[in-house]
Amino acid sequence: MGSFSLVHWLVVILIVMLLFGRGKISELMGDMAKGINSFKKGLADGDAPHSPPPGYVPPHLAPPAAPLPTVAQPVRDDVPRG
């Protein structure tokens, strides 16, 4: 009772073809294939190691930063204390 028969699938395919038309579906599949090929090309190009810029030191090897100097705040007498 929960599965679709061949007739149900044919009706669904017919409705999809009427809504989108044959040309739009083929264009959509072509665009998807171009996107997949572009993605694969990007992955292949991204595998090549890149050299870091001159003078770059990785964060885990960099010396620790100097602490910021603290400035004493003056005490204001005009503020009521609770």
Protein backbone atom coordinates (compact mmCIF):
# COMPACT_ATOMS: atom_id res chain seq x y z
CA MET A 1 0.00 0.00 0.00
CA GLY A 2 2.91 2.39 0.64
CA SER A 3 4.80 1.76 -2.61
CA PHE A 4 4.19 3.38 -5.96
CA SER A 5 3.32 1.29 -8.98
CA LEU A 6 4.56 1.85 -12.53
CA VAL A 7 1.41 3.82 -13.37
CA HIS A 8 2.03 6.23 -10.48
CA TRP A 9 5.61 6.86 -11.64
CA LEU A 10 4.46 7.45 -15.22
CA VAL A 11 1.91 10.01 -14.03
CA VAL A 12 4.53 11.79 -11.92
CA ILE A 13 6.99 11.87 -14.85
CA LEU A 14 4.27 13.16 -17.18
CA ILE A 15 3.38 15.98 -14.76
CA VAL A 16 7.04 16.95 -14.35
CA MET A 17 7.51 16.99 -18.13
CA LEU A 18 4.44 19.18 -18.57
CA LEU A 19 5.54 21.63 -15.87
CA PHE A 20 9.18 21.99 -16.81
CA GLY A 21 9.27 20.93 -20.44
CA ARG A 22 11.92 18.84 -22.09
CA GLY A 23 14.28 21.75 -22.81
CA LYS A 24 14.39 23.04 -19.24
CA ILE A 25 15.22 19.62 -17.80
CA SER A 26 18.06 19.07 -20.27
CA GLU A 27 19.41 22.58 -19.55
CA LEU A 28 19.25 21.87 -15.84
CA MET A 29 21.15 18.60 -16.25
CA GLY A 30 23.75 20.32 -18.45
CA ASP A 31 24.24 23.09 -15.88
CA MET A 32 24.59 20.52 -13.12
CA ALA A 33 27.23 18.61 -15.15
CA LYS A 34 29.17 21.85 -15.72
CA GLY A 35 29.05 22.59 -12.00
CA ILE A 36 30.31 19.11 -11.10
CA ASN A 37 33.16 19.38 -13.62
CA SER A 38 34.09 22.82 -12.28
CA PHE A 39 34.04 21.47 -8.72
CA LYS A 40 36.30 18.55 -9.66
CA LYS A 41 38.69 20.91 -11.45
CA GLY A 42 38.80 23.15 -8.38
CA LEU A 43 39.61 20.19 -6.16
CA ALA A 44 42.39 19.08 -8.51
CA ASP A 45 43.85 22.61 -8.55
CA GLY A 46 43.56 22.91 -4.77
CA ASP A 47 45.68 19.80 -4.13
CA ALA A 48 48.90 21.53 -5.17
CA PRO A 49 50.80 22.85 -2.13
CA HIS A 50 51.13 26.62 -1.95
CA SER A 51 54.19 28.28 -0.51
CA PRO A 52 53.55 30.78 2.29
CA PRO A 53 54.50 34.41 1.75
CA PRO A 54 58.06 35.40 2.69
CA GLY A 55 58.49 36.09 6.38
CA TYR A 56 55.38 34.13 7.40
CA VAL A 57 55.62 32.44 10.81
CA PRO A 58 52.87 29.96 11.77
CA PRO A 59 50.90 31.10 14.83
CA HIS A 60 51.97 28.12 16.92
CA LEU A 61 55.66 29.02 16.33
CA ALA A 62 55.35 32.79 16.77
CA PRO A 63 56.67 34.34 20.00
CA PRO A 64 54.00 35.32 22.51
CA ALA A 65 52.68 38.85 22.25
CA ALA A 66 53.70 41.36 24.91
CA PRO A 67 50.98 42.04 27.47
CA LEU A 68 49.13 45.32 27.12
CA PRO A 69 50.11 47.96 29.67
CA THR A 70 47.52 48.66 32.32
CA VAL A 71 46.53 52.22 33.09
CA ALA A 72 45.34 53.13 36.56
CA GLN A 73 41.91 54.71 36.55
CA PRO A 74 41.55 57.85 38.71
CA VAL A 75 39.07 57.70 41.55
CA ARG A 76 36.14 60.04 41.02
CA ASP A 77 34.79 61.70 44.15
CA ASP A 78 31.66 63.06 42.49
CA VAL A 79 30.14 59.60 41.99
CA PRO A 80 27.95 58.49 44.92
CA ARG A 81 28.91 55.12 46.34
CA GLY A 82 26.16 52.69 47.16
